[in-house]
């Protein structure tokens, strides 16, 4: 019976120390997770910025014009190459009045 009381008293005196160590361990584990997630967010933000710059480059009019010239051999028409095309059988709204 006396050994049980001594064990109980030792447990009472040691338990705050054990709880303190456990709490510190949990705080450290959470801080490590926060650090890892922060690093991951920074990597994702860097990738988003890179993809955004690539996207802006690809939708710019100068890039589209350059690709059209390279791939499709398109060019701006010269002064004498522009013709007005009239559609027969379809009346314009100006003539309906």
PDB file of N, CA and C in Angstrom:
ATOM      1  N   UNK A   1       0.817  -1.191   0.000  1.00  0.00           N
ATOM      2  CA  UNK A   1       0.000   0.000   0.000  1.00  0.00           C
ATOM      3  C   UNK A   1       0.865   1.261   0.000  1.00  0.00           C
ATOM      4  N   UNK A   2       1.934   1.190   0.779  1.00  0.00           N
ATOM      5  CA  UNK A   2       2.838   2.333   0.881  1.00  0.00           C
ATOM      6  C   UNK A   2       3.529   2.572  -0.475  1.00  0.00           C
ATOM      7  N   UNK A   3       3.873   1.523  -1.202  1.00  0.00           N
ATOM      8  CA  UNK A   3       4.518   1.651  -2.503  1.00  0.00           C
ATOM      9  C   UNK A   3       3.568   2.295  -3.503  1.00  0.00           C
ATOM     10  N   UNK A   4       2.294   1.976  -3.389  1.00  0.00           N
ATOM     11  CA  UNK A   4       1.292   2.560  -4.277  1.00  0.00           C
ATOM     12  C   UNK A   4       1.164   4.068  -4.025  1.00  0.00           C
ATOM     13  N   UNK A   5       1.198   4.477  -2.762  1.00  0.00           N
ATOM     14  CA  UNK A   5       1.139   5.903  -2.431  1.00  0.00           C
ATOM     15  C   UNK A   5       2.366   6.640  -2.964  1.00  0.00           C
ATOM     16  N   UNK A   6       3.524   6.035  -2.813  1.00  0.00           N
ATOM     17  CA  UNK A   6       4.755   6.654  -3.304  1.00  0.00           C
ATOM     18  C   UNK A   6       4.711   6.780  -4.831  1.00  0.00           C
ATOM     19  N   UNK A   7       4.253   5.742  -5.513  1.00  0.00           N
ATOM     20  CA  UNK A   7       4.127   5.771  -6.971  1.00  0.00           C
ATOM     21  C   UNK A   7       3.140   6.857  -7.398  1.00  0.00           C
ATOM     22  N   UNK A   8       2.041   6.978  -6.696  1.00  0.00           N
ATOM     23  CA  UNK A   8       1.038   7.990  -6.987  1.00  0.00           C
ATOM     24  C   UNK A   8       1.613   9.393  -6.788  1.00  0.00           C
ATOM     25  N   UNK A   9       2.364   9.610  -5.717  1.00  0.00           N
ATOM     26  CA  UNK A   9       2.984  10.914  -5.456  1.00  0.00           C
ATOM     27  C   UNK A   9       4.031  11.248  -6.517  1.00  0.00           C
ATOM     28  N   UNK A  10       4.818  10.257  -6.913  1.00  0.00           N
ATOM     29  CA  UNK A  10       5.810  10.482  -7.970  1.00  0.00           C
ATOM     30  C   UNK A  10       5.114  10.857  -9.272  1.00  0.00           C
ATOM     31  N   UNK A  11       4.032  10.181  -9.574  1.00  0.00           N
ATOM     32  CA  UNK A  11       3.274  10.478 -10.788  1.00  0.00           C
ATOM     33  C   UNK A  11       2.700  11.892 -10.741  1.00  0.00           C
ATOM     34  N   UNK A  12       2.213  12.310  -9.594  1.00  0.00           N
ATOM     35  CA  UNK A  12       1.665  13.661  -9.431  1.00  0.00           C
ATOM     36  C   UNK A  12       2.763  14.712  -9.631  1.00  0.00           C
ATOM     37  N   UNK A  13       3.949  14.461  -9.098  1.00  0.00           N
ATOM     38  CA  UNK A  13       5.028  15.434  -9.225  1.00  0.00           C
ATOM     39  C   UNK A  13       5.655  15.446 -10.631  1.00  0.00           C
ATOM     40  N   UNK A  14       5.667  14.312 -11.288  1.00  0.00           N
ATOM     41  CA  UNK A  14       6.297  14.219 -12.612  1.00  0.00           C
ATOM     42  C   UNK A  14       5.342  14.637 -13.732  1.00  0.00           C
ATOM     43  N   UNK A  15       4.037  14.482 -13.518  1.00  0.00           N
ATOM     44  CA  UNK A  15       3.074  14.752 -14.587  1.00  0.00           C
ATOM     45  C   UNK A  15       3.157  16.181 -15.142  1.00  0.00           C
ATOM     46  N   UNK A  16       3.352  17.248 -14.329  1.00  0.00           N
ATOM     47  CA  UNK A  16       3.486  18.578 -14.952  1.00  0.00           C
ATOM     48  C   UNK A  16       4.701  18.668 -15.878  1.00  0.00           C
ATOM     49  N   UNK A  17       5.797  18.047 -15.510  1.00  0.00           N
ATOM     50  CA  UNK A  17       6.977  18.046 -16.360  1.00  0.00           C
ATOM     51  C   UNK A  17       6.702  17.300 -17.670  1.00  0.00           C
ATOM     52  N   UNK A  18       6.041  16.160 -17.576  1.00  0.00           N
ATOM     53  CA  UNK A  18       5.699  15.375 -18.766  1.00  0.00           C
ATOM     54  C   UNK A  18       4.746  16.166 -19.668  1.00  0.00           C
ATOM     55  N   UNK A  19       3.751  16.815 -19.060  1.00  0.00           N
ATOM     56  CA  UNK A  19       2.816  17.617 -19.846  1.00  0.00           C
ATOM     57  C   UNK A  19       3.516  18.802 -20.510  1.00  0.00           C
ATOM     58  N   UNK A  20       4.460  19.406 -19.796  1.00  0.00           N
ATOM     59  CA  UNK A  20       5.220  20.523 -20.364  1.00  0.00           C
ATOM     60  C   UNK A  20       6.056  20.060 -21.565  1.00  0.00           C
ATOM     61  N   UNK A  21       6.718  18.943 -21.444  1.00  0.00           N
ATOM     62  CA  UNK A  21       7.523  18.405 -22.548  1.00  0.00           C
ATOM     63  C   UNK A  21       6.617  18.036 -23.723  1.00  0.00           C
ATOM     64  N   UNK A  22       5.480  17.426 -23.430  1.00  0.00           N
ATOM     65  CA  UNK A  22       4.541  17.057 -24.487  1.00  0.00           C
ATOM     66  C   UNK A  22       4.022  18.296 -25.212  1.00  0.00           C
ATOM     67  N   UNK A  23       3.684  19.348 -24.439  1.00  0.00           N
ATOM     68  CA  UNK A  23       3.190  20.599 -25.031  1.00  0.00           C
ATOM     69  C   UNK A  23       4.263  21.232 -25.925  1.00  0.00           C
ATOM     70  N   UNK A  24       5.500  21.280 -25.450  1.00  0.00           N
ATOM     71  CA  UNK A  24       6.590  21.832 -26.249  1.00  0.00           C
ATOM     72  C   UNK A  24       6.783  21.026 -27.536  1.00  0.00           C
ATOM     73  N   UNK A  25       6.689  19.718 -27.421  1.00  0.00           N
ATOM     74  CA  UNK A  25       6.839  18.853 -28.584  1.00  0.00           C
ATOM     75  C   UNK A  25       5.734  19.127 -29.609  1.00  0.00           C
ATOM     76  N   UNK A  26       4.506  19.286 -29.132  1.00  0.00           N
ATOM     77  CA  UNK A  26       3.388  19.567 -30.042  1.00  0.00           C
ATOM     78  C   UNK A  26       3.553  20.934 -30.705  1.00  0.00           C
ATOM     79  N   UNK A  27       3.988  21.936 -29.945  1.00  0.00           N
ATOM     80  CA  UNK A  27       4.211  23.272 -30.503  1.00  0.00           C
ATOM     81  C   UNK A  27       5.306  23.220 -31.568  1.00  0.00           C
ATOM     82  N   UNK A  28       6.369  22.509 -31.296  1.00  0.00           N
ATOM     83  CA  UNK A  28       7.449  22.375 -32.279  1.00  0.00           C
ATOM     84  C   UNK A  28       6.966  21.674 -33.544  1.00  0.00           C
ATOM     85  N   UNK A  29       6.166  20.622 -33.373  1.00  0.00           N
ATOM     86  CA  UNK A  29       5.637  19.898 -34.537  1.00  0.00           C
ATOM     87  C   UNK A  29       4.742  20.811 -35.365  1.00  0.00           C
ATOM     88  N   UNK A  30       3.918  21.620 -34.706  1.00  0.00           N
ATOM     89  CA  UNK A  30       3.037  22.540 -35.423  1.00  0.00           C
ATOM     90  C   UNK A  30       3.854  23.619 -36.129  1.00  0.00           C
ATOM     91  N   UNK A  31       4.893  24.127 -35.478  1.00  0.00           N
ATOM     92  CA  UNK A  31       5.753  25.129 -36.113  1.00  0.00           C
ATOM     93  C   UNK A  31       6.454  24.573 -37.349  1.00  0.00           C
ATOM     94  N   UNK A  32       6.873  23.316 -37.287  1.00  0.00           N
ATOM     95  CA  UNK A  32       7.507  22.674 -38.445  1.00  0.00           C
ATOM     96  C   UNK A  32       6.499  22.549 -39.586  1.00  0.00           C
ATOM     97  N   UNK A  33       5.247  22.160 -39.255  1.00  0.00           N
ATOM     98  CA  UNK A  33       4.215  22.059 -40.287  1.00  0.00           C
ATOM     99  C   UNK A  33       3.941  23.422 -40.906  1.00  0.00           C
ATOM    100  N   UNK A  34       3.879  24.464 -40.077  1.00  0.00           N
ATOM    101  CA  UNK A  34       3.646  25.820 -40.578  1.00  0.00           C
ATOM    102  C   UNK A  34       4.784  26.236 -41.504  1.00  0.00           C
ATOM    103  N   UNK A  35       6.002  25.939 -41.117  1.00  0.00           N
ATOM    104  CA  UNK A  35       7.168  26.291 -41.946  1.00  0.00           C
ATOM    105  C   UNK A  35       7.113  25.563 -43.289  1.00  0.00           C
ATOM    106  N   UNK A  36       6.790  24.277 -43.254  1.00  0.00           N
ATOM    107  CA  UNK A  36       6.703  23.504 -44.500  1.00  0.00           C
ATOM    108  C   UNK A  36       5.587  24.029 -45.403  1.00  0.00           C
ATOM    109  N   UNK A  37       4.436  24.350 -44.808  1.00  0.00           N
ATOM    110  CA  UNK A  37       3.321  24.859 -45.604  1.00  0.00           C
ATOM    111  C   UNK A  37       3.630  26.244 -46.158  1.00  0.00           C
ATOM    112  N   UNK A  38       4.330  27.068 -45.387  1.00  0.00           N
ATOM    113  CA  UNK A  38       4.725  28.387 -45.873  1.00  0.00           C
ATOM    114  C   UNK A  38       5.660  28.260 -47.071  1.00  0.00           C
ATOM    115  N   UNK A  39       6.600  27.343 -46.989  1.00  0.00           N
ATOM    116  CA  UNK A  39       7.521  27.101 -48.104  1.00  0.00           C
ATOM    117  C   UNK A  39       6.748  26.610 -49.324  1.00  0.00           C
ATOM    118  N   UNK A  40       5.778  25.731 -49.101  1.00  0.00           N
ATOM    119  CA  UNK A  40       4.979  25.204 -50.209  1.00  0.00           C
ATOM    120  C   UNK A  40       4.147  26.316 -50.852  1.00  0.00           C
ATOM    121  N   UNK A  41       3.569  27.200 -50.033  1.00  0.00           N
ATOM    122  CA  UNK A  41       2.796  28.326 -50.557  1.00  0.00           C
ATOM    123  C   UNK A  41       3.695  29.245 -51.383  1.00  0.00           C
ATOM    124  N   UNK A  42       4.904  29.493 -50.912  1.00  0.00           N
ATOM    125  CA  UNK A  42       5.838  30.336 -51.660  1.00  0.00           C
ATOM    126  C   UNK A  42       6.188  29.710 -53.005  1.00  0.00           C
ATOM    127  N   UNK A  43       6.380  28.396 -53.032  1.00  0.00           N
ATOM    128  CA  UNK A  43       6.661  27.704 -54.299  1.00  0.00           C
ATOM    129  C   UNK A  43       5.479  27.816 -55.252  1.00  0.00           C
ATOM    130  N   UNK A  44       4.268  27.641 -54.720  1.00  0.00           N
ATOM    131  CA  UNK A  44       3.067  27.735 -55.553  1.00  0.00           C
ATOM    132  C   UNK A  44       2.903  29.158 -56.082  1.00  0.00           C
ATOM    133  N   UNK A  45       3.149  30.163 -55.230  1.00  0.00           N
ATOM    134  CA  UNK A  45       3.047  31.555 -55.680  1.00  0.00           C
ATOM    135  C   UNK A  45       4.075  31.853 -56.767  1.00  0.00           C
ATOM    136  N   UNK A  46       5.277  31.308 -56.625  1.00  0.00           N
ATOM    137  CA  UNK A  46       6.299  31.492 -57.649  1.00  0.00           C
ATOM    138  C   UNK A  46       5.852  30.859 -58.969  1.00  0.00           C
ATOM    139  N   UNK A  47       5.274  29.657 -58.886  1.00  0.00           N
ATOM    140  CA  UNK A  47       4.789  28.985 -60.100  1.00  0.00           C
ATOM    141  C   UNK A  47       3.645  29.770 -60.738  1.00  0.00           C
ATOM    142  N   UNK A  48       2.758  30.322 -59.914  1.00  0.00           N
ATOM    143  CA  UNK A  48       1.642  31.103 -60.440  1.00  0.00           C
ATOM    144  C   UNK A  48       2.164  32.343 -61.154  1.00  0.00           C
ATOM    145  N   UNK A  49       3.141  33.023 -60.564  1.00  0.00           N
ATOM    146  CA  UNK A  49       3.707  34.208 -61.200  1.00  0.00           C
ATOM    147  C   UNK A  49       4.374  33.848 -62.517  1.00  0.00           C
ATOM    148  N   UNK A  50       5.079  32.714 -62.552  1.00  0.00           N
ATOM    149  CA  UNK A  50       5.738  32.274 -63.778  1.00  0.00           C
ATOM    150  C   UNK A  50       4.703  31.946 -64.856  1.00  0.00           C
ATOM    151  N   UNK A  51       3.656  31.204 -64.474  1.00  0.00           N
ATOM    152  CA  UNK A  51       2.615  30.851 -65.438  1.00  0.00           C
ATOM    153  C   UNK A  51       1.846  32.083 -65.902  1.00  0.00           C
ATOM    154  N   UNK A  52       1.635  33.036 -65.002  1.00  0.00           N
ATOM    155  CA  UNK A  52       0.940  34.267 -65.377  1.00  0.00           C
ATOM    156  C   UNK A  52       1.756  35.058 -66.390  1.00  0.00           C
ATOM    157  N   UNK A  53       3.063  35.120 -66.184  1.00  0.00           N
ATOM    158  CA  UNK A  53       3.897  35.846 -67.148  1.00  0.00           C
ATOM    159  C   UNK A  53       3.926  35.129 -68.502  1.00  0.00           C
ATOM    160  N   UNK A  54       3.966  33.791 -68.477  1.00  0.00           N
ATOM    161  CA  UNK A  54       3.910  33.042 -69.743  1.00  0.00           C
ATOM    162  C   UNK A  54       2.576  33.275 -70.449  1.00  0.00           C
ATOM    163  N   UNK A  55       1.483  33.269 -69.669  1.00  0.00           N
ATOM    164  CA  UNK A  55       0.156  33.472 -70.245  1.00  0.00           C
ATOM    165  C   UNK A  55       0.064  34.870 -70.859  1.00  0.00           C
ATOM    166  N   UNK A  56       0.533  35.892 -70.122  1.00  0.00           N
ATOM    167  CA  UNK A  56       0.487  37.258 -70.650  1.00  0.00           C
ATOM    168  C   UNK A  56       1.305  37.378 -71.937  1.00  0.00           C
ATOM    169  N   UNK A  57       2.423  36.666 -71.991  1.00  0.00           N
ATOM    170  CA  UNK A  57       3.242  36.695 -73.198  1.00  0.00           C
ATOM    171  C   UNK A  57       2.490  36.066 -74.371  1.00  0.00           C
ATOM    172  N   UNK A  58       1.811  34.939 -74.114  1.00  0.00           N
ATOM    173  CA  UNK A  58       1.146  34.204 -75.186  1.00  0.00           C
ATOM    174  C   UNK A  58      -0.109  34.906 -75.688  1.00  0.00           C
ATOM    175  N   UNK A  59      -0.747  35.737 -74.867  1.00  0.00           N
ATOM    176  CA  UNK A  59      -1.960  36.421 -75.325  1.00  0.00           C
ATOM    177  C   UNK A  59      -1.681  37.838 -75.786  1.00  0.00           C
ATOM    178  N   UNK A  60      -0.433  38.248 -75.770  1.00  0.00           N
ATOM    179  CA  UNK A  60      -0.112  39.596 -76.237  1.00  0.00           C
ATOM    180  C   UNK A  60      -0.275  39.655 -77.751  1.00  0.00           C
ATOM    181  N   UNK A  61      -0.675  40.811 -78.229  1.00  0.00           N
ATOM    182  CA  UNK A  61      -0.918  40.943 -79.669  1.00  0.00           C
ATOM    183  C   UNK A  61       0.366  40.765 -80.475  1.00  0.00           C
ATOM    184  N   UNK A  62       1.495  41.207 -79.919  1.00  0.00           N
ATOM    185  CA  UNK A  62       2.750  41.044 -80.662  1.00  0.00           C
ATOM    186  C   UNK A  62       3.117  39.564 -80.811  1.00  0.00           C
ATOM    187  N   UNK A  63       2.885  38.763 -79.775  1.00  0.00           N
ATOM    188  CA  UNK A  63       3.185  37.332 -79.853  1.00  0.00           C
ATOM    189  C   UNK A  63       2.247  36.645 -80.852  1.00  0.00           C
ATOM    190  N   UNK A  64       0.963  36.987 -80.769  1.00  0.00           N
ATOM    191  CA  UNK A  64      -0.018  36.373 -81.673  1.00  0.00           C
ATOM    192  C   UNK A  64       0.308  36.738 -83.123  1.00  0.00           C
ATOM    193  N   UNK A  65       0.665  38.004 -83.349  1.00  0.00           N
ATOM    194  CA  UNK A  65       1.024  38.436 -84.700  1.00  0.00           C
ATOM    195  C   UNK A  65       2.267  37.702 -85.196  1.00  0.00           C
ATOM    196  N   UNK A  66       3.254  37.557 -84.348  1.00  0.00           N
ATOM    197  CA  UNK A  66       4.489  36.864 -84.728  1.00  0.00           C
ATOM    198  C   UNK A  66       4.204  35.403 -85.070  1.00  0.00           C
ATOM    199  N   UNK A  67       3.393  34.730 -84.238  1.00  0.00           N
ATOM    200  CA  UNK A  67       3.059  33.329 -84.501  1.00  0.00           C
ATOM    201  C   UNK A  67       2.244  33.175 -85.781  1.00  0.00           C
ATOM    202  N   UNK A  68       1.344  34.129 -86.033  1.00  0.00           N
ATOM    203  CA  UNK A  68       0.535  34.077 -87.253  1.00  0.00           C
ATOM    204  C   UNK A  68       1.424  34.227 -88.480  1.00  0.00           C
ATOM    205  N   UNK A  69       2.425  35.079 -88.375  1.00  0.00           N
ATOM    206  CA  UNK A  69       3.353  35.250 -89.505  1.00  0.00           C
ATOM    207  C   UNK A  69       4.201  34.007 -89.704  1.00  0.00           C
ATOM    208  N   UNK A  70       4.654  33.402 -88.607  1.00  0.00           N
ATOM    209  CA  UNK A  70       5.526  32.226 -88.715  1.00  0.00           C
ATOM    210  C   UNK A  70       4.760  30.994 -89.166  1.00  0.00           C
ATOM    211  N   UNK A  71       3.676  30.678 -88.475  1.00  0.00           N
ATOM    212  CA  UNK A  71       2.968  29.417 -88.717  1.00  0.00           C
ATOM    213  C   UNK A  71       2.041  29.490 -89.933  1.00  0.00           C
ATOM    214  N   UNK A  72       1.291  30.584 -90.048  1.00  0.00           N
ATOM    215  CA  UNK A  72       0.260  30.662 -91.081  1.00  0.00           C
ATOM    216  C   UNK A  72       0.660  31.536 -92.255  1.00  0.00           C
ATOM    217  N   UNK A  73       1.850  32.100 -92.195  1.00  0.00           N
ATOM    218  CA  UNK A  73       2.345  32.988 -93.253  1.00  0.00           C
ATOM    219  C   UNK A  73       1.385  34.165 -93.477  1.00  0.00           C
ATOM    220  N   UNK A  74       0.779  34.641 -92.401  1.00  0.00           N
ATOM    221  CA  UNK A  74      -0.139  35.774 -92.480  1.00  0.00           C
ATOM    222  C   UNK A  74       0.670  37.068 -92.457  1.00  0.00           C
ATOM    223  N   UNK A  75       0.074  38.090 -93.071  1.00  0.00           N
ATOM    224  CA  UNK A  75       0.706  39.403 -93.041  1.00  0.00           C
ATOM    225  C   UNK A  75      -0.401  40.444 -93.175  1.00  0.00           C
ATOM    226  N   UNK A  76      -0.066  41.661 -92.853  1.00  0.00           N
ATOM    227  CA  UNK A  76      -1.039  42.736 -93.041  1.00  0.00           C
ATOM    228  C   UNK A  76      -1.180  43.008 -94.532  1.00  0.00           C
ATOM    229  N   UNK A  77      -2.398  43.273 -94.996  1.00  0.00           N
ATOM    230  CA  UNK A  77      -2.568  43.568 -96.431  1.00  0.00           C
ATOM    231  C   UNK A  77      -1.956  44.925 -96.774  1.00  0.00           C
ATOM    232  N   UNK A  78      -1.439  44.982 -97.970  1.00  0.00           N
ATOM    233  CA  UNK A  78      -0.888  46.252 -98.443  1.00  0.00           C
ATOM    234  C   UNK A  78      -2.020  47.118 -98.977  1.00  0.00           C
ATOM    235  N   UNK A  79      -1.706  48.345 -99.324  1.00  0.00           N
ATOM    236  CA  UNK A  79      -2.720  49.335 -99.663  1.00  0.00           C
ATOM    237  C   UNK A  79      -3.641  48.883-100.807  1.00  0.00           C
ATOM    238  N   UNK A  80      -3.108  48.315-101.838  1.00  0.00           N
ATOM    239  CA  UNK A  80      -3.922  47.915-102.986  1.00  0.00           C
ATOM    240  C   UNK A  80      -4.586  46.557-102.836  1.00  0.00           C
ATOM    241  N   UNK A  81      -4.381  45.872-101.762  1.00  0.00           N
ATOM    242  CA  UNK A  81      -4.914  44.509-101.588  1.00  0.00           C
ATOM    243  C   UNK A  81      -6.225  44.465-100.803  1.00  0.00           C
ATOM    244  N   UNK A  82      -6.738  45.582-100.373  1.00  0.00           N
ATOM    245  CA  UNK A  82      -7.965  45.604 -99.571  1.00  0.00           C
ATOM    246  C   UNK A  82      -9.145  45.806-100.516  1.00  0.00           C
ATOM    247  N   UNK A  83     -10.099  44.889-100.470  1.00  0.00           N
ATOM    248  CA  UNK A  83     -11.287  44.945-101.320  1.00  0.00           C
ATOM    249  C   UNK A  83     -12.523  44.924-100.441  1.00  0.00           C
ATOM    250  N   UNK A  84     -13.541  45.635-100.895  1.00  0.00           N
ATOM    251  CA  UNK A  84     -14.813  45.626-100.198  1.00  0.00           C
ATOM    252  C   UNK A  84     -15.648  44.498-100.784  1.00  0.00           C
ATOM    253  N   UNK A  85     -16.119  43.613 -99.929  1.00  0.00           N
ATOM    254  CA  UNK A  85     -16.914  42.479-100.387  1.00  0.00           C
ATOM    255  C   UNK A  85     -18.368  42.749-100.022  1.00  0.00           C
ATOM    256  N   UNK A  86     -19.237  42.651-101.015  1.00  0.00           N
ATOM    257  CA  UNK A  86     -20.656  42.835-100.761  1.00  0.00           C
ATOM    258  C   UNK A  86     -21.317  41.465-100.777  1.00  0.00           C
ATOM    259  N   UNK A  87     -22.222  41.287 -99.868  1.00  0.00           N
ATOM    260  CA  UNK A  87     -22.944  40.014 -99.779  1.00  0.00           C
ATOM    261  C   UNK A  87     -24.268  40.171-100.506  1.00  0.00           C
ATOM    262  N   UNK A  88     -24.458  39.401-101.538  1.00  0.00           N
ATOM    263  CA  UNK A  88     -25.689  39.469-102.314  1.00  0.00           C
ATOM    264  C   UNK A  88     -26.747  38.607-101.654  1.00  0.00           C
ATOM    265  N   UNK A  89     -27.960  39.097-101.654  1.00  0.00           N
ATOM    266  CA  UNK A  89     -29.065  38.347-101.077  1.00  0.00           C
ATOM    267  C   UNK A  89     -29.291  38.687 -99.616  1.00  0.00           C
ATOM    268  N   UNK A  90     -28.397  39.404 -99.009  1.00  0.00           N
ATOM    269  CA  UNK A  90     -28.567  39.808 -97.614  1.00  0.00           C
ATOM    270  C   UNK A  90     -28.601  41.329 -97.598  1.00  0.00           C
ATOM    271  N   UNK A  91     -29.729  41.863 -97.207  1.00  0.00           N
ATOM    272  CA  UNK A  91     -29.853  43.310 -97.181  1.00  0.00           C
ATOM    273  C   UNK A  91     -29.274  43.842 -95.879  1.00  0.00           C
ATOM    274  N   UNK A  92     -28.609  44.930 -95.984  1.00  0.00           N
ATOM    275  CA  UNK A  92     -28.054  45.538 -94.762  1.00  0.00           C
ATOM    276  C   UNK A  92     -29.155  46.307 -94.056  1.00  0.00           C
ATOM    277  N   UNK A  93     -28.946  46.632 -92.808  1.00  0.00           N
ATOM    278  CA  UNK A  93     -29.924  47.360 -92.027  1.00  0.00           C
ATOM    279  C   UNK A  93     -30.108  48.788 -92.551  1.00  0.00           C
ATOM    280  N   UNK A  94     -29.119  49.325 -93.235  1.00  0.00           N
ATOM    281  CA  UNK A  94     -29.225  50.671 -93.800  1.00  0.00           C
ATOM    282  C   UNK A  94     -30.276  50.724 -94.899  1.00  0.00           C
ATOM    283  N   UNK A  95     -30.406  49.630 -95.644  1.00  0.00           N
ATOM    284  CA  UNK A  95     -31.351  49.598 -96.777  1.00  0.00           C
ATOM    285  C   UNK A  95     -32.767  49.258 -96.343  1.00  0.00           C
ATOM    286  N   UNK A  96     -32.973  48.776 -95.123  1.00  0.00           N
ATOM    287  CA  UNK A  96     -34.294  48.355 -94.663  1.00  0.00           C
ATOM    288  C   UNK A  96     -35.196  49.543 -94.355  1.00  0.00           C
ATOM    289  N   UNK A  97     -34.649  50.668 -93.945  1.00  0.00           N
ATOM    290  CA  UNK A  97     -35.334  51.854 -93.470  1.00  0.00           C
ATOM    291  C   UNK A  97     -36.387  52.357 -94.325  1.00  0.00           C
TER     292      UNK A  97
END
